[in-house]
Protein backbone atom coordinates (compact mmCIF):
# COMPACT_ATOMS: atom_id res chain seq x y z
CA UNK A 1 127.83 -22.59 89.20
CA UNK A 2 128.62 -22.50 92.32
CA UNK A 3 125.35 -21.04 93.88
CA UNK A 4 122.31 -23.80 95.86
CA UNK A 5 119.55 -24.50 93.19
CA UNK A 6 116.27 -25.69 95.18
CA UNK A 7 113.20 -27.07 93.53
CA UNK A 8 109.78 -26.83 94.95
CA UNK A 9 106.44 -29.07 93.99
CA UNK A 10 103.04 -28.52 95.21
CA UNK A 11 100.82 -31.60 95.23
CA UNK A 12 97.18 -32.18 96.69
CA UNK A 13 96.18 -35.79 98.20
CA UNK A 14 92.42 -35.58 96.69
CA UNK A 15 91.40 -38.85 98.59
CA UNK A 16 92.72 -37.50 102.10
CA UNK A 17 88.77 -36.73 104.01
CA UNK A 18 90.07 -34.22 106.05
CA UNK A 19 90.82 -31.97 103.17
CA UNK A 20 87.37 -33.46 100.95
CA UNK A 21 86.08 -32.21 104.26
CA UNK A 22 87.39 -29.11 104.57
CA UNK A 23 86.92 -28.25 100.63
CA UNK A 24 83.09 -29.32 100.86
CA UNK A 25 82.54 -26.61 102.80
CA UNK A 26 83.25 -24.32 100.57
CA UNK A 27 81.01 -23.68 97.67
CA UNK A 28 82.80 -22.46 94.22
CA UNK A 29 82.60 -18.91 93.17
CA UNK A 30 81.11 -18.56 89.49
CA UNK A 31 83.89 -18.67 86.52
CA UNK A 32 86.09 -21.00 89.35
CA UNK A 33 87.32 -24.25 87.91
CA UNK A 34 87.17 -27.60 90.18
CA UNK A 35 86.89 -30.03 87.40
CA UNK A 36 88.16 -33.17 88.77
CA UNK A 37 91.45 -33.38 86.73
CA UNK A 38 92.64 -30.32 89.11
CA UNK A 39 92.95 -32.96 92.04
CA UNK A 40 93.53 -36.82 90.62
CA UNK A 41 95.95 -38.42 91.76
CA UNK A 42 98.00 -39.90 88.97
CA UNK A 43 99.69 -42.65 91.59
CA UNK A 44 103.51 -41.29 89.97
CA UNK A 45 105.05 -39.10 92.38
CA UNK A 46 107.41 -41.08 92.74
CA UNK A 47 108.99 -41.63 89.73
CA UNK A 48 109.27 -36.98 89.94
CA UNK A 49 111.42 -38.08 93.36
CA UNK A 50 113.41 -40.53 90.95
CA UNK A 51 113.67 -38.66 88.18
CA UNK A 52 115.22 -35.59 90.51
CA UNK A 53 117.49 -37.50 92.40
CA UNK A 54 118.73 -39.49 89.55
CA UNK A 55 118.94 -36.63 87.21
CA UNK A 56 119.60 -33.89 88.99
CA UNK A 57 121.82 -35.10 92.26
CA UNK A 58 123.47 -31.79 92.54
CA UNK A 59 120.06 -30.04 93.96
CA UNK A 60 120.37 -28.58 97.43
CA UNK A 61 117.02 -28.49 98.22
CA UNK A 62 113.22 -29.95 97.58
CA UNK A 63 110.34 -28.03 99.40
CA UNK A 64 107.08 -29.92 99.25
CA UNK A 65 104.60 -27.85 99.34
CA UNK A 66 101.32 -29.63 100.66
CA UNK A 67 97.19 -28.78 102.40
CA UNK A 68 99.23 -30.79 105.31
CA UNK A 69 98.83 -34.56 103.96
CA UNK A 70 102.39 -36.81 102.61
CA UNK A 71 102.60 -39.78 100.34
CA UNK A 72 102.81 -42.79 103.01
CA UNK A 73 105.28 -43.78 101.27
CA UNK A 74 107.17 -40.71 101.52
CA UNK A 75 110.51 -40.48 103.56
CA UNK A 76 110.00 -37.25 105.51
CA UNK A 77 113.08 -37.74 107.27
CA UNK A 78 115.44 -37.11 104.01
CA UNK A 79 117.61 -34.57 104.99
CA UNK A 80 117.00 -33.03 101.56
CA UNK A 81 112.83 -32.78 101.83
CA UNK A 82 111.88 -29.93 103.88
CA UNK A 83 107.55 -30.29 104.43
CA UNK A 84 105.82 -26.85 103.73
CA UNK A 85 101.92 -26.95 104.21
CA UNK A 86 100.07 -23.62 103.26
CA UNK A 87 99.51 -22.26 106.76
CA UNK A 88 103.64 -22.39 107.15
CA UNK A 89 103.65 -19.04 104.08
CA UNK A 90 100.03 -18.16 103.15
CA UNK A 91 98.58 -15.07 104.97
CA UNK A 92 95.96 -17.01 107.08
CA UNK A 93 92.93 -14.72 104.97
CA UNK A 94 93.84 -17.08 102.01
CA UNK A 95 92.99 -19.66 104.22
CA UNK A 96 92.24 -22.93 103.26
CA UNK A 97 92.96 -22.58 99.92
CA UNK A 98 92.02 -24.89 97.24
CA UNK A 99 93.01 -23.03 94.29
CA UNK A 100 96.80 -23.29 92.80
CA UNK A 101 97.28 -19.23 92.36
CA UNK A 102 97.79 -18.36 95.52
CA UNK A 103 100.22 -21.56 96.38
CA UNK A 104 102.34 -20.47 93.69
CA UNK A 105 101.97 -16.72 93.99
CA UNK A 106 103.97 -16.85 97.44
CA UNK A 107 106.29 -19.32 97.11
CA UNK A 108 109.00 -16.68 97.71
CA UNK A 109 107.79 -16.49 101.39
CA UNK A 110 109.05 -19.60 101.84
CA UNK A 111 111.53 -20.21 104.90
CA UNK A 112 114.93 -21.22 104.47
CA UNK A 113 114.09 -20.67 100.24
CA UNK A 114 117.33 -20.21 98.51
CA UNK A 115 117.39 -17.07 96.13
CA UNK A 116 117.26 -18.78 93.40
CA UNK A 117 114.98 -22.09 92.38
CA UNK A 118 113.21 -23.97 90.04
CA UNK A 119 109.26 -24.09 90.38
CA UNK A 120 107.62 -27.57 89.29
CA UNK A 121 103.81 -28.78 89.19
CA UNK A 122 103.27 -32.61 89.83
CA UNK A 123 102.62 -33.54 86.29
CA UNK A 124 106.45 -32.30 85.26
CA UNK A 125 109.02 -34.92 85.46
CA UNK A 126 112.84 -34.96 84.45
CA UNK A 127 113.58 -37.76 82.71
CA UNK A 128 117.00 -37.59 81.23
CA UNK A 129 120.67 -36.07 83.39
CA UNK A 130 120.76 -32.17 83.72
CA UNK A 131 123.18 -30.52 85.20
CA UNK A 132 122.44 -26.93 86.78
CA UNK A 133 122.95 -24.85 83.59
CA UNK A 134 120.03 -26.44 82.24
CA UNK A 135 118.21 -24.20 85.13
CA UNK A 136 121.01 -21.26 86.01
CA UNK A 137 124.08 -19.74 83.71
CA UNK A 138 125.64 -17.18 85.50
CA UNK A 139 123.48 -16.58 88.25
CA UNK A 140 120.21 -16.46 85.46
CA UNK A 141 117.71 -18.11 85.11
CA UNK A 142 117.57 -20.47 81.63
CA UNK A 143 114.35 -20.04 80.02
CA UNK A 144 112.80 -19.20 76.15
CA UNK A 145 111.63 -15.35 75.38
CA UNK A 146 109.12 -15.89 72.11
CA UNK A 147 105.84 -13.39 71.34
CA UNK A 148 102.71 -14.91 70.57
CA UNK A 149 99.01 -13.64 70.41
CA UNK A 150 96.70 -14.42 73.11
CA UNK A 151 93.66 -14.85 71.67
CA UNK A 152 90.61 -14.47 74.51
CA UNK A 153 89.05 -18.29 74.75
CA UNK A 154 87.01 -21.00 76.41
CA UNK A 155 89.35 -24.03 75.44
CA UNK A 156 91.67 -25.43 77.73
CA UNK A 157 88.71 -23.75 80.96
CA UNK A 158 89.63 -20.31 79.72
CA UNK A 159 93.56 -20.15 80.97
CA UNK A 160 93.77 -17.37 78.16
CA UNK A 161 92.03 -15.36 79.96
CA UNK A 162 95.09 -15.34 82.73
CA UNK A 163 97.57 -15.30 80.67
CA UNK A 164 96.11 -11.75 79.04
CA UNK A 165 95.97 -10.29 82.75
CA UNK A 166 99.87 -11.29 83.17
CA UNK A 167 100.67 -9.39 80.02
CA UNK A 168 98.08 -6.26 80.67
CA UNK A 169 100.02 -5.98 83.83
CA UNK A 170 103.85 -5.58 81.62
CA UNK A 171 101.83 -3.28 78.95
CA UNK A 172 101.02 -0.58 81.79
CA UNK A 173 105.50 -0.77 82.43
CA UNK A 174 106.84 -2.11 79.08
CA UNK A 175 107.24 -0.86 75.91
CA UNK A 176 107.98 -3.99 73.96
CA UNK A 177 109.94 -2.53 70.81
CA UNK A 178 112.25 -0.71 73.37
CA UNK A 179 112.51 -3.66 75.18
CA UNK A 180 113.72 -5.81 72.72
CA UNK A 181 115.98 -3.45 70.82
CA UNK A 182 117.54 -3.26 74.98
CA UNK A 183 118.20 -7.40 74.42
CA UNK A 184 117.67 -7.86 70.41
CA UNK A 185 120.14 -11.89 71.44
CA UNK A 186 117.58 -12.67 74.28
CA UNK A 187 114.35 -12.19 71.95
CA UNK A 188 115.49 -13.52 68.74
CA UNK A 189 118.03 -16.71 69.65
CA UNK A 190 118.91 -19.58 67.59
CA UNK A 191 118.15 -21.83 70.49
CA UNK A 192 114.88 -20.96 70.00
CA UNK A 193 114.56 -22.89 66.37
CA UNK A 194 111.32 -21.68 64.40
CA UNK A 195 109.86 -19.68 66.46
CA UNK A 196 111.92 -16.41 66.43
CA UNK A 197 109.69 -16.45 63.34
CA UNK A 198 106.56 -15.73 65.23
CA UNK A 199 108.92 -13.23 67.35
CA UNK A 200 109.58 -11.61 64.22
CA UNK A 201 105.88 -11.42 62.80
CA UNK A 202 104.44 -10.31 66.20
CA UNK A 203 106.86 -7.15 65.80
CA UNK A 204 104.66 -5.11 64.01
CA UNK A 205 102.24 -5.06 66.99
CA UNK A 206 102.83 -1.73 69.41
CA UNK A 207 102.56 -3.85 72.71
CA UNK A 208 102.84 -7.08 73.96
CA UNK A 209 100.38 -9.70 71.66
CA UNK A 210 101.39 -12.39 74.67
CA UNK A 211 104.89 -14.07 75.54
CA UNK A 212 104.21 -17.95 74.81
CA UNK A 213 104.68 -20.27 77.71
CA UNK A 214 106.13 -23.50 77.68
CA UNK A 215 104.54 -24.96 80.74
CA UNK A 216 107.92 -26.53 82.04
CA UNK A 217 109.37 -26.00 84.65
CA UNK A 218 110.47 -22.68 85.35
CA UNK A 219 113.58 -20.92 86.55
CA UNK A 220 112.96 -18.30 89.48
CA UNK A 221 115.16 -15.65 91.58
CA UNK A 222 113.13 -14.75 94.96
CA UNK A 223 114.31 -11.28 94.42
CA UNK A 224 112.11 -11.23 91.56
CA UNK A 225 109.11 -11.95 93.41
CA UNK A 226 110.48 -8.99 95.39
CA UNK A 227 110.04 -6.70 92.38
CA UNK A 228 106.51 -7.49 90.91
CA UNK A 229 105.11 -7.64 94.66
CA UNK A 230 105.82 -3.53 94.30
CA UNK A 231 104.24 -2.63 91.80
CA UNK A 232 101.56 -5.69 91.78
CA UNK A 233 100.85 -6.40 94.99
CA UNK A 234 97.11 -5.17 94.70
CA UNK A 235 96.23 -8.01 91.77
CA UNK A 236 98.47 -10.53 93.55
CA UNK A 237 95.92 -9.70 96.91
CA UNK A 238 93.00 -9.64 94.39
CA UNK A 239 93.76 -12.91 92.99
CA UNK A 240 94.64 -14.77 96.31
CA UNK A 241 91.31 -13.77 97.73
CA UNK A 242 89.90 -16.80 95.52
CA UNK A 243 89.37 -20.47 97.07
CA UNK A 244 88.62 -21.76 94.17
CA UNK A 245 90.85 -21.28 90.74
CA UNK A 246 89.68 -18.18 89.01
CA UNK A 247 91.15 -18.50 85.03
CA UNK A 248 90.52 -14.21 85.20
CA UNK A 249 93.64 -13.59 87.44
CA UNK A 250 96.90 -13.64 87.11
CA UNK A 251 99.26 -16.52 88.59
CA UNK A 252 102.79 -17.22 89.03
CA UNK A 253 104.03 -16.20 85.27
CA UNK A 254 103.79 -12.43 86.15
CA UNK A 255 107.01 -13.29 87.93
CA UNK A 256 108.68 -15.55 84.86
CA UNK A 257 107.23 -12.51 82.08
CA UNK A 258 109.18 -9.80 84.98
CA UNK A 259 112.50 -11.73 84.42
CA UNK A 260 111.83 -11.95 80.64
CA UNK A 261 110.65 -8.11 79.72
CA UNK A 262 114.16 -7.08 82.37
CA UNK A 263 116.25 -9.49 80.04
CA UNK A 264 117.31 -10.94 83.47
CA UNK A 265 117.10 -15.06 82.00
CA UNK A 266 119.74 -17.15 79.87
CA UNK A 267 118.26 -18.26 76.40
CA UNK A 268 117.66 -22.19 76.49
CA UNK A 269 117.87 -24.12 73.94
CA UNK A 270 113.75 -25.74 73.21
CA UNK A 271 114.89 -29.00 73.12
CA UNK A 272 115.19 -29.23 76.96
CA UNK A 273 111.77 -30.37 77.31
CA UNK A 274 108.27 -30.86 76.56
CA UNK A 275 104.87 -29.85 76.56
CA UNK A 276 101.89 -32.97 76.73
CA UNK A 277 98.32 -33.07 76.55
CA UNK A 278 97.16 -36.76 78.09
CA UNK A 279 94.92 -37.88 75.33
CA UNK A 280 93.46 -41.40 74.20
CA UNK A 281 95.66 -42.10 72.26
CA UNK A 282 99.70 -41.38 73.95
CA UNK A 283 102.24 -43.13 72.09
CA UNK A 284 104.13 -40.17 71.42
CA UNK A 285 104.33 -39.09 75.79
CA UNK A 286 104.96 -42.84 75.72
CA UNK A 287 107.95 -43.22 73.11
CA UNK A 288 109.42 -40.07 74.50
CA UNK A 289 109.75 -40.99 78.17
CA UNK A 290 111.39 -44.76 77.01
CA UNK A 291 113.74 -43.11 74.64
CA UNK A 292 114.58 -40.15 77.09
CA UNK A 293 114.21 -37.90 73.99
CA UNK A 294 114.09 -34.78 76.41
CA UNK A 295 115.38 -34.08 79.31
CA UNK A 296 112.09 -32.59 80.87
CA UNK A 297 108.74 -33.95 79.93
CA UNK A 298 104.89 -32.28 81.35
CA UNK A 299 102.57 -34.66 80.75
CA UNK A 300 99.25 -32.49 81.54
CA UNK A 301 95.96 -33.86 82.06
CA UNK A 302 92.73 -31.40 81.11
CA UNK A 303 90.31 -34.65 80.91
CA UNK A 304 89.72 -35.09 77.20
CA UNK A 305 90.44 -38.38 76.90
CA UNK A 306 87.61 -41.55 78.52
CA UNK A 307 89.61 -44.11 80.67
CA UNK A 308 91.71 -42.56 83.26
CA UNK A 309 92.79 -45.91 84.90
CA UNK A 310 93.91 -47.20 81.76
CA UNK A 311 95.89 -44.10 80.74
CA UNK A 312 97.31 -43.86 84.29
CA UNK A 313 98.61 -47.30 84.19
CA UNK A 314 100.29 -46.78 80.03
CA UNK A 315 101.89 -43.77 81.59
CA UNK A 316 103.19 -45.00 85.11
CA UNK A 317 104.55 -48.10 82.98
CA UNK A 318 106.92 -45.92 81.15
CA UNK A 319 108.04 -43.76 84.30
CA UNK A 320 108.66 -47.26 85.53
CA UNK A 321 110.61 -48.58 82.61
CA UNK A 322 113.26 -46.01 83.02
CA UNK A 323 112.63 -45.10 86.88
CA UNK A 324 112.51 -48.72 88.33
CA UNK A 325 114.78 -48.31 91.64
CA UNK A 326 113.48 -46.56 94.85
CA UNK A 327 114.69 -43.22 95.78
CA UNK A 328 115.96 -42.84 99.27
CA UNK A 329 113.06 -40.34 98.98
CA UNK A 330 110.79 -43.57 99.55
CA UNK A 331 110.55 -45.69 102.91
């Protein structure tokens, strides 16, 4: 594959006094999420850059989205690095924003971004060698199409409501059984393993009950964003009005869902990466990093553990064991 692939990553410095002052000017509305784990710094961003340089040296550009601040160790002169401020691509009427949703919904508006790009949260790391074909194959984003049942819940901050908002839009436009009949081998594929049974059982539903989220980097085409904007502009604008995260609106996974139901993707092995939630016992996370069991890992902080500093040190020590050399993105 000779097409360019860019990486996009979002980051915030919660210790920046200017950012704190501006954030404190605004009062969060009801149903918004301002929990500390949404912003606190794990001090492991350098391992993200080291992982990219070591395990994805083929990447074209890295678009680093930020409020305006950058880590003091970051080499902003690196020719592969593009610093993007919120004001560079998000409409002024939605700024300032402390909500990842509009930051993600407008990504396709970033000047210079390639047609094919991969979106990372700052808790998603490459820990083993990757190729372009892990993210795009024959010009199509690599992904998994697996049905799941979304159950509204307050667990995990009620994020299920966001997933329901996404799938509601999909069901308004697409007939599930016709979609799967059109591309059966993209919904039933040996690469998905036992999860195919989940899809088979949920075929009893008339509509999409939900599409399983892997919570790993998502491969996107800019053209996908343009297509979804045509029929979901009102929902996108509604979600963009919240300065703080509101789990009842759509998020960028609406674009992923669109790619899947359109069949505009290439099936990828589930073994590509793994999603973990940080707890008080993180032996499995540490073992996965040290032994490089996956190509990618997501380490999600939902705040359900006691000692942040101790946990941070343990996980960062694991990263240091495989990524101990400075990258060209560091001064």
